[in-house]
Amino acid sequence: MVHRRVRGGKYKINHAEKKAPVDVGDELEVNIIDICPNGDGMSKIQGYVIQVPKAKPRERVKIKINQVGKKIAFGEIIK
């Protein structure tokens, strides 16, 4: 986060763009820690949320990342 002084003595905050810690196609083994509001399992890597359909809390599953967004990624369970 960068603070920059602008006219009138106020500060403007420029948020630095963070890169997601995962990429499309990555295969990971994650712990499901919670349930998302839509019922899918949720895991976190470095504070980044990964949503996994059909996963239950306290499971350890191997997943493949299908889609990556700014705040959340979506994965599917691999057998």
PDB file of N, CA and C in Angstrom:
ATOM      1  N   MET A   1       0.843  -1.148   0.000  1.00  0.00           N
ATOM      2  CA  MET A   1       0.000   0.000   0.000  1.00  0.00           C
ATOM      3  C   MET A   1       0.903   1.229   0.000  1.00  0.00           C
ATOM      4  N   VAL A   2       0.617   2.169  -0.891  1.00  0.00           N
ATOM      5  CA  VAL A   2       1.436   3.357  -1.032  1.00  0.00           C
ATOM      6  C   VAL A   2       0.585   4.581  -0.743  1.00  0.00           C
ATOM      7  N   HIS A   3       1.051   5.445   0.157  1.00  0.00           N
ATOM      8  CA  HIS A   3       0.356   6.689   0.467  1.00  0.00           C
ATOM      9  C   HIS A   3       0.993   7.809  -0.347  1.00  0.00           C
ATOM     10  N   ARG A   4       0.155   8.652  -0.930  1.00  0.00           N
ATOM     11  CA  ARG A   4       0.669   9.748  -1.729  1.00  0.00           C
ATOM     12  C   ARG A   4      -0.141  10.995  -1.397  1.00  0.00           C
ATOM     13  N   ARG A   5       0.539  12.082  -1.130  1.00  0.00           N
ATOM     14  CA  ARG A   5      -0.139  13.323  -0.771  1.00  0.00           C
ATOM     15  C   ARG A   5      -0.678  13.989  -2.037  1.00  0.00           C
ATOM     16  N   VAL A   6      -1.945  14.390  -2.000  1.00  0.00           N
ATOM     17  CA  VAL A   6      -2.568  15.066  -3.139  1.00  0.00           C
ATOM     18  C   VAL A   6      -3.025  16.452  -2.703  1.00  0.00           C
ATOM     19  N   ARG A   7      -3.585  17.222  -3.615  1.00  0.00           N
ATOM     20  CA  ARG A   7      -4.025  18.591  -3.310  1.00  0.00           C
ATOM     21  C   ARG A   7      -4.962  18.641  -2.120  1.00  0.00           C
ATOM     22  N   GLY A   8      -4.837  19.682  -1.329  1.00  0.00           N
ATOM     23  CA  GLY A   8      -5.700  19.853  -0.168  1.00  0.00           C
ATOM     24  C   GLY A   8      -5.158  19.183   1.071  1.00  0.00           C
ATOM     25  N   GLY A   9      -3.950  18.608   1.025  1.00  0.00           N
ATOM     26  CA  GLY A   9      -3.344  17.987   2.189  1.00  0.00           C
ATOM     27  C   GLY A   9      -3.864  16.598   2.507  1.00  0.00           C
ATOM     28  N   LYS A  10      -4.688  16.012   1.630  1.00  0.00           N
ATOM     29  CA  LYS A  10      -5.225  14.673   1.881  1.00  0.00           C
ATOM     30  C   LYS A  10      -4.301  13.626   1.274  1.00  0.00           C
ATOM     31  N   TYR A  11      -4.473  12.427   1.700  1.00  0.00           N
ATOM     32  CA  TYR A  11      -3.655  11.329   1.191  1.00  0.00           C
ATOM     33  C   TYR A  11      -4.497  10.411   0.323  1.00  0.00           C
ATOM     34  N   LYS A  12      -3.908   9.963  -0.734  1.00  0.00           N
ATOM     35  CA  LYS A  12      -4.542   8.993  -1.617  1.00  0.00           C
ATOM     36  C   LYS A  12      -3.811   7.667  -1.428  1.00  0.00           C
ATOM     37  N   ILE A  13      -4.551   6.583  -1.346  1.00  0.00           N
ATOM     38  CA  ILE A  13      -3.950   5.269  -1.142  1.00  0.00           C
ATOM     39  C   ILE A  13      -3.988   4.504  -2.457  1.00  0.00           C
ATOM     40  N   ASN A  14      -2.831   4.111  -2.923  1.00  0.00           N
ATOM     41  CA  ASN A  14      -2.734   3.263  -4.106  1.00  0.00           C
ATOM     42  C   ASN A  14      -2.422   1.849  -3.637  1.00  0.00           C
ATOM     43  N   HIS A  15      -3.313   0.936  -3.906  1.00  0.00           N
ATOM     44  CA  HIS A  15      -3.105  -0.449  -3.501  1.00  0.00           C
ATOM     45  C   HIS A  15      -2.250  -1.149  -4.543  1.00  0.00           C
ATOM     46  N   ALA A  16      -1.168  -1.723  -4.099  1.00  0.00           N
ATOM     47  CA  ALA A  16      -0.292  -2.472  -4.998  1.00  0.00           C
ATOM     48  C   ALA A  16      -0.992  -3.767  -5.401  1.00  0.00           C
ATOM     49  N   GLU A  17      -0.895  -4.119  -6.634  1.00  0.00           N
ATOM     50  CA  GLU A  17      -1.536  -5.321  -7.163  1.00  0.00           C
ATOM     51  C   GLU A  17      -0.790  -6.559  -6.676  1.00  0.00           C
ATOM     52  N   LYS A  18      -1.501  -7.445  -5.953  1.00  0.00           N
ATOM     53  CA  LYS A  18      -0.886  -8.682  -5.478  1.00  0.00           C
ATOM     54  C   LYS A  18      -1.174  -9.794  -6.469  1.00  0.00           C
ATOM     55  N   LYS A  19      -0.184 -10.611  -6.732  1.00  0.00           N
ATOM     56  CA  LYS A  19      -0.360 -11.757  -7.615  1.00  0.00           C
ATOM     57  C   LYS A  19      -0.901 -12.938  -6.805  1.00  0.00           C
ATOM     58  N   ALA A  20      -1.803 -13.687  -7.400  1.00  0.00           N
ATOM     59  CA  ALA A  20      -2.367 -14.859  -6.742  1.00  0.00           C
ATOM     60  C   ALA A  20      -1.275 -15.906  -6.541  1.00  0.00           C
ATOM     61  N   PRO A  21      -1.292 -16.618  -5.384  1.00  0.00           N
ATOM     62  CA  PRO A  21      -0.254 -17.622  -5.130  1.00  0.00           C
ATOM     63  C   PRO A  21      -0.467 -18.930  -5.903  1.00  0.00           C
ATOM     64  N   VAL A  22      -1.549 -19.014  -6.686  1.00  0.00           N
ATOM     65  CA  VAL A  22      -1.823 -20.209  -7.485  1.00  0.00           C
ATOM     66  C   VAL A  22      -2.060 -19.809  -8.933  1.00  0.00           C
ATOM     67  N   ASP A  23      -1.878 -20.753  -9.846  1.00  0.00           N
ATOM     68  CA  ASP A  23      -2.130 -20.536 -11.271  1.00  0.00           C
ATOM     69  C   ASP A  23      -3.079 -21.617 -11.777  1.00  0.00           C
ATOM     70  N   VAL A  24      -3.722 -21.348 -12.901  1.00  0.00           N
ATOM     71  CA  VAL A  24      -4.611 -22.331 -13.518  1.00  0.00           C
ATOM     72  C   VAL A  24      -3.799 -23.569 -13.885  1.00  0.00           C
ATOM     73  N   GLY A  25      -4.323 -24.739 -13.530  1.00  0.00           N
ATOM     74  CA  GLY A  25      -3.644 -26.002 -13.826  1.00  0.00           C
ATOM     75  C   GLY A  25      -2.802 -26.535 -12.689  1.00  0.00           C
ATOM     76  N   ASP A  26      -2.573 -25.746 -11.642  1.00  0.00           N
ATOM     77  CA  ASP A  26      -1.792 -26.218 -10.494  1.00  0.00           C
ATOM     78  C   ASP A  26      -2.535 -27.350  -9.784  1.00  0.00           C
ATOM     79  N   GLU A  27      -1.779 -28.353  -9.354  1.00  0.00           N
ATOM     80  CA  GLU A  27      -2.345 -29.438  -8.551  1.00  0.00           C
ATOM     81  C   GLU A  27      -1.788 -29.303  -7.142  1.00  0.00           C
ATOM     82  N   LEU A  28      -2.689 -29.199  -6.162  1.00  0.00           N
ATOM     83  CA  LEU A  28      -2.307 -28.954  -4.776  1.00  0.00           C
ATOM     84  C   LEU A  28      -3.022 -29.927  -3.854  1.00  0.00           C
ATOM     85  N   GLU A  29      -2.429 -30.176  -2.702  1.00  0.00           N
ATOM     86  CA  GLU A  29      -3.099 -30.926  -1.648  1.00  0.00           C
ATOM     87  C   GLU A  29      -3.404 -29.926  -0.538  1.00  0.00           C
ATOM     88  N   VAL A  30      -4.695 -29.725  -0.248  1.00  0.00           N
ATOM     89  CA  VAL A  30      -5.115 -28.683   0.692  1.00  0.00           C
ATOM     90  C   VAL A  30      -6.032 -29.255   1.771  1.00  0.00           C
ATOM     91  N   ASN A  31      -6.093 -28.526   2.891  1.00  0.00           N
ATOM     92  CA  ASN A  31      -7.045 -28.832   3.958  1.00  0.00           C
ATOM     93  C   ASN A  31      -8.262 -27.940   3.770  1.00  0.00           C
ATOM     94  N   ILE A  32      -9.439 -28.529   3.825  1.00  0.00           N
ATOM     95  CA  ILE A  32     -10.678 -27.756   3.741  1.00  0.00           C
ATOM     96  C   ILE A  32     -10.973 -27.257   5.147  1.00  0.00           C
ATOM     97  N   ILE A  33     -11.017 -25.924   5.308  1.00  0.00           N
ATOM     98  CA  ILE A  33     -11.135 -25.356   6.651  1.00  0.00           C
ATOM     99  C   ILE A  33     -12.534 -24.868   6.989  1.00  0.00           C
ATOM    100  N   ASP A  34     -13.360 -24.619   5.979  1.00  0.00           N
ATOM    101  CA  ASP A  34     -14.678 -24.044   6.243  1.00  0.00           C
ATOM    102  C   ASP A  34     -15.596 -24.316   5.065  1.00  0.00           C
ATOM    103  N   ILE A  35     -16.842 -23.851   5.178  1.00  0.00           N
ATOM    104  CA  ILE A  35     -17.815 -23.975   4.101  1.00  0.00           C
ATOM    105  C   ILE A  35     -18.153 -22.579   3.602  1.00  0.00           C
ATOM    106  N   CYS A  36     -18.182 -22.387   2.289  1.00  0.00           N
ATOM    107  CA  CYS A  36     -18.600 -21.121   1.690  1.00  0.00           C
ATOM    108  C   CYS A  36     -20.115 -20.989   1.818  1.00  0.00           C
ATOM    109  N   PRO A  37     -20.661 -19.779   1.681  1.00  0.00           N
ATOM    110  CA  PRO A  37     -22.112 -19.606   1.785  1.00  0.00           C
ATOM    111  C   PRO A  37     -22.928 -20.445   0.799  1.00  0.00           C
ATOM    112  N   ASN A  38     -22.343 -20.806  -0.341  1.00  0.00           N
ATOM    113  CA  ASN A  38     -23.080 -21.622  -1.315  1.00  0.00           C
ATOM    114  C   ASN A  38     -22.935 -23.122  -1.052  1.00  0.00           C
ATOM    115  N   GLY A  39     -22.213 -23.520  -0.001  1.00  0.00           N
ATOM    116  CA  GLY A  39     -22.098 -24.924   0.379  1.00  0.00           C
ATOM    117  C   GLY A  39     -20.830 -25.618  -0.067  1.00  0.00           C
ATOM    118  N   ASP A  40     -19.992 -24.959  -0.850  1.00  0.00           N
ATOM    119  CA  ASP A  40     -18.729 -25.550  -1.288  1.00  0.00           C
ATOM    120  C   ASP A  40     -17.687 -25.451  -0.183  1.00  0.00           C
ATOM    121  N   GLY A  41     -16.681 -26.311  -0.240  1.00  0.00           N
ATOM    122  CA  GLY A  41     -15.597 -26.264   0.729  1.00  0.00           C
ATOM    123  C   GLY A  41     -14.661 -25.098   0.440  1.00  0.00           C
ATOM    124  N   MET A  42     -13.996 -24.617   1.495  1.00  0.00           N
ATOM    125  CA  MET A  42     -13.102 -23.474   1.342  1.00  0.00           C
ATOM    126  C   MET A  42     -11.751 -23.790   1.968  1.00  0.00           C
ATOM    127  N   SER A  43     -10.701 -23.426   1.253  1.00  0.00           N
ATOM    128  CA  SER A  43      -9.345 -23.566   1.744  1.00  0.00           C
ATOM    129  C   SER A  43      -8.649 -22.235   1.525  1.00  0.00           C
ATOM    130  N   LYS A  44      -7.536 -22.021   2.229  1.00  0.00           N
ATOM    131  CA  LYS A  44      -6.771 -20.782   2.047  1.00  0.00           C
ATOM    132  C   LYS A  44      -5.298 -21.106   1.881  1.00  0.00           C
ATOM    133  N   ILE A  45      -4.661 -20.381   0.976  1.00  0.00           N
ATOM    134  CA  ILE A  45      -3.214 -20.450   0.786  1.00  0.00           C
ATOM    135  C   ILE A  45      -2.703 -19.024   0.844  1.00  0.00           C
ATOM    136  N   GLN A  46      -1.896 -18.708   1.833  1.00  0.00           N
ATOM    137  CA  GLN A  46      -1.343 -17.367   2.046  1.00  0.00           C
ATOM    138  C   GLN A  46      -2.454 -16.322   2.072  1.00  0.00           C
ATOM    139  N   GLY A  47      -3.585 -16.656   2.694  1.00  0.00           N
ATOM    140  CA  GLY A  47      -4.705 -15.734   2.812  1.00  0.00           C
ATOM    141  C   GLY A  47      -5.587 -15.665   1.581  1.00  0.00           C
ATOM    142  N   TYR A  48      -5.258 -16.381   0.529  1.00  0.00           N
ATOM    143  CA  TYR A  48      -6.008 -16.404  -0.725  1.00  0.00           C
ATOM    144  C   TYR A  48      -7.008 -17.560  -0.668  1.00  0.00           C
ATOM    145  N   VAL A  49      -8.273 -17.290  -0.966  1.00  0.00           N
ATOM    146  CA  VAL A  49      -9.344 -18.281  -0.823  1.00  0.00           C
ATOM    147  C   VAL A  49      -9.426 -19.177  -2.053  1.00  0.00           C
ATOM    148  N   ILE A  50      -9.563 -20.483  -1.800  1.00  0.00           N
ATOM    149  CA  ILE A  50      -9.784 -21.458  -2.865  1.00  0.00           C
ATOM    150  C   ILE A  50     -11.090 -22.185  -2.553  1.00  0.00           C
ATOM    151  N   GLN A  51     -12.016 -22.130  -3.501  1.00  0.00           N
ATOM    152  CA  GLN A  51     -13.328 -22.751  -3.323  1.00  0.00           C
ATOM    153  C   GLN A  51     -13.334 -24.093  -4.043  1.00  0.00           C
ATOM    154  N   VAL A  52     -13.745 -25.147  -3.309  1.00  0.00           N
ATOM    155  CA  VAL A  52     -13.722 -26.508  -3.853  1.00  0.00           C
ATOM    156  C   VAL A  52     -15.105 -27.139  -3.698  1.00  0.00           C
ATOM    157  N   PRO A  53     -15.830 -27.361  -4.801  1.00  0.00           N
ATOM    158  CA  PRO A  53     -17.148 -27.997  -4.712  1.00  0.00           C
ATOM    159  C   PRO A  53     -17.049 -29.433  -4.182  1.00  0.00           C
ATOM    160  N   LYS A  54     -18.074 -29.850  -3.474  1.00  0.00           N
ATOM    161  CA  LYS A  54     -18.231 -31.218  -2.943  1.00  0.00           C
ATOM    162  C   LYS A  54     -17.179 -31.586  -1.900  1.00  0.00           C
ATOM    163  N   ALA A  55     -16.542 -30.609  -1.282  1.00  0.00           N
ATOM    164  CA  ALA A  55     -15.564 -30.883  -0.223  1.00  0.00           C
ATOM    165  C   ALA A  55     -16.173 -30.502   1.120  1.00  0.00           C
ATOM    166  N   LYS A  56     -15.819 -31.236   2.147  1.00  0.00           N
ATOM    167  CA  LYS A  56     -16.346 -30.994   3.486  1.00  0.00           C
ATOM    168  C   LYS A  56     -15.227 -30.521   4.414  1.00  0.00           C
ATOM    169  N   PRO A  57     -15.579 -29.755   5.445  1.00  0.00           N
ATOM    170  CA  PRO A  57     -14.557 -29.289   6.388  1.00  0.00           C
ATOM    171  C   PRO A  57     -13.788 -30.442   7.024  1.00  0.00           C
ATOM    172  N   ARG A  58     -12.532 -30.192   7.360  1.00  0.00           N
ATOM    173  CA  ARG A  58     -11.601 -31.134   7.975  1.00  0.00           C
ATOM    174  C   ARG A  58     -11.193 -32.266   7.042  1.00  0.00           C
ATOM    175  N   GLU A  59     -11.415 -32.127   5.746  1.00  0.00           N
ATOM    176  CA  GLU A  59     -10.925 -33.093   4.765  1.00  0.00           C
ATOM    177  C   GLU A  59      -9.607 -32.597   4.199  1.00  0.00           C
ATOM    178  N   ARG A  60      -8.748 -33.511   3.810  1.00  0.00           N
ATOM    179  CA  ARG A  60      -7.521 -33.171   3.085  1.00  0.00           C
ATOM    180  C   ARG A  60      -7.696 -33.759   1.698  1.00  0.00           C
ATOM    181  N   VAL A  61      -7.736 -32.885   0.684  1.00  0.00           N
ATOM    182  CA  VAL A  61      -8.027 -33.332  -0.675  1.00  0.00           C
ATOM    183  C   VAL A  61      -6.970 -32.821  -1.645  1.00  0.00           C
ATOM    184  N   LYS A  62      -6.824 -33.544  -2.746  1.00  0.00           N
ATOM    185  CA  LYS A  62      -5.945 -33.111  -3.822  1.00  0.00           C
ATOM    186  C   LYS A  62      -6.830 -32.439  -4.866  1.00  0.00           C
ATOM    187  N   ILE A  63      -6.456 -31.202  -5.258  1.00  0.00           N
ATOM    188  CA  ILE A  63      -7.288 -30.442  -6.175  1.00  0.00           C
ATOM    189  C   ILE A  63      -6.484 -29.944  -7.367  1.00  0.00           C
ATOM    190  N   LYS A  64      -7.215 -29.577  -8.416  1.00  0.00           N
ATOM    191  CA  LYS A  64      -6.628 -28.937  -9.593  1.00  0.00           C
ATOM    192  C   LYS A  64      -7.334 -27.593  -9.756  1.00  0.00           C
ATOM    193  N   ILE A  65      -6.571 -26.514  -9.906  1.00  0.00           N
ATOM    194  CA  ILE A  65      -7.126 -25.169 -10.033  1.00  0.00           C
ATOM    195  C   ILE A  65      -7.659 -24.969 -11.451  1.00  0.00           C
ATOM    196  N   ASN A  66      -8.962 -24.572 -11.550  1.00  0.00           N
ATOM    197  CA  ASN A  66      -9.607 -24.354 -12.845  1.00  0.00           C
ATOM    198  C   ASN A  66      -9.678 -22.891 -13.239  1.00  0.00           C
ATOM    199  N   GLN A  67      -9.893 -22.025 -12.243  1.00  0.00           N
ATOM    200  CA  GLN A  67     -10.116 -20.614 -12.528  1.00  0.00           C
ATOM    201  C   GLN A  67      -9.487 -19.784 -11.415  1.00  0.00           C
ATOM    202  N   VAL A  68      -8.839 -18.683 -11.772  1.00  0.00           N
ATOM    203  CA  VAL A  68      -8.191 -17.810 -10.795  1.00  0.00           C
ATOM    204  C   VAL A  68      -8.710 -16.390 -10.997  1.00  0.00           C
ATOM    205  N   GLY A  69      -9.173 -15.788  -9.891  1.00  0.00           N
ATOM    206  CA  GLY A  69      -9.640 -14.406  -9.918  1.00  0.00           C
ATOM    207  C   GLY A  69      -8.762 -13.541  -9.030  1.00  0.00           C
ATOM    208  N   LYS A  70      -9.206 -12.294  -8.767  1.00  0.00           N
ATOM    209  CA  LYS A  70      -8.420 -11.385  -7.939  1.00  0.00           C
ATOM    210  C   LYS A  70      -8.416 -11.807  -6.482  1.00  0.00           C
ATOM    211  N   LYS A  71      -9.567 -12.296  -5.982  1.00  0.00           N
ATOM    212  CA  LYS A  71      -9.675 -12.620  -4.558  1.00  0.00           C
ATOM    213  C   LYS A  71      -9.938 -14.100  -4.283  1.00  0.00           C
ATOM    214  N   ILE A  72     -10.316 -14.860  -5.299  1.00  0.00           N
ATOM    215  CA  ILE A  72     -10.710 -16.249  -5.087  1.00  0.00           C
ATOM    216  C   ILE A  72     -10.323 -17.103  -6.298  1.00  0.00           C
ATOM    217  N   ALA A  73     -10.042 -18.368  -6.012  1.00  0.00           N
ATOM    218  CA  ALA A  73      -9.758 -19.342  -7.065  1.00  0.00           C
ATOM    219  C   ALA A  73     -10.745 -20.496  -6.913  1.00  0.00           C
ATOM    220  N   PHE A  74     -11.002 -21.201  -8.001  1.00  0.00           N
ATOM    221  CA  PHE A  74     -11.910 -22.336  -7.982  1.00  0.00           C
ATOM    222  C   PHE A  74     -11.140 -23.581  -8.405  1.00  0.00           C
ATOM    223  N   GLY A  75     -11.359 -24.653  -7.664  1.00  0.00           N
ATOM    224  CA  GLY A  75     -10.665 -25.904  -7.959  1.00  0.00           C
ATOM    225  C   GLY A  75     -11.637 -27.056  -7.959  1.00  0.00           C
ATOM    226  N   GLU A  76     -11.164 -28.207  -8.453  1.00  0.00           N
ATOM    227  CA  GLU A  76     -11.971 -29.423  -8.427  1.00  0.00           C
ATOM    228  C   GLU A  76     -11.144 -30.551  -7.841  1.00  0.00           C
ATOM    229  N   ILE A  77     -11.833 -31.465  -7.196  1.00  0.00           N
ATOM    230  CA  ILE A  77     -11.161 -32.600  -6.558  1.00  0.00           C
ATOM    231  C   ILE A  77     -10.683 -33.571  -7.638  1.00  0.00           C
ATOM    232  N   ILE A  78      -9.446 -34.033  -7.484  1.00  0.00           N
ATOM    233  CA  ILE A  78      -8.883 -35.041  -8.391  1.00  0.00           C
ATOM    234  C   ILE A  78      -8.873 -36.371  -7.642  1.00  0.00           C
ATOM    235  N   LYS A  79      -9.165 -37.418  -8.311  1.00  0.00           N
ATOM    236  CA  LYS A  79      -9.125 -38.754  -7.673  1.00  0.00           C
ATOM    237  C   LYS A  79      -7.814 -39.425  -7.978  1.00  0.00           C
TER     238      LYS A  79
END
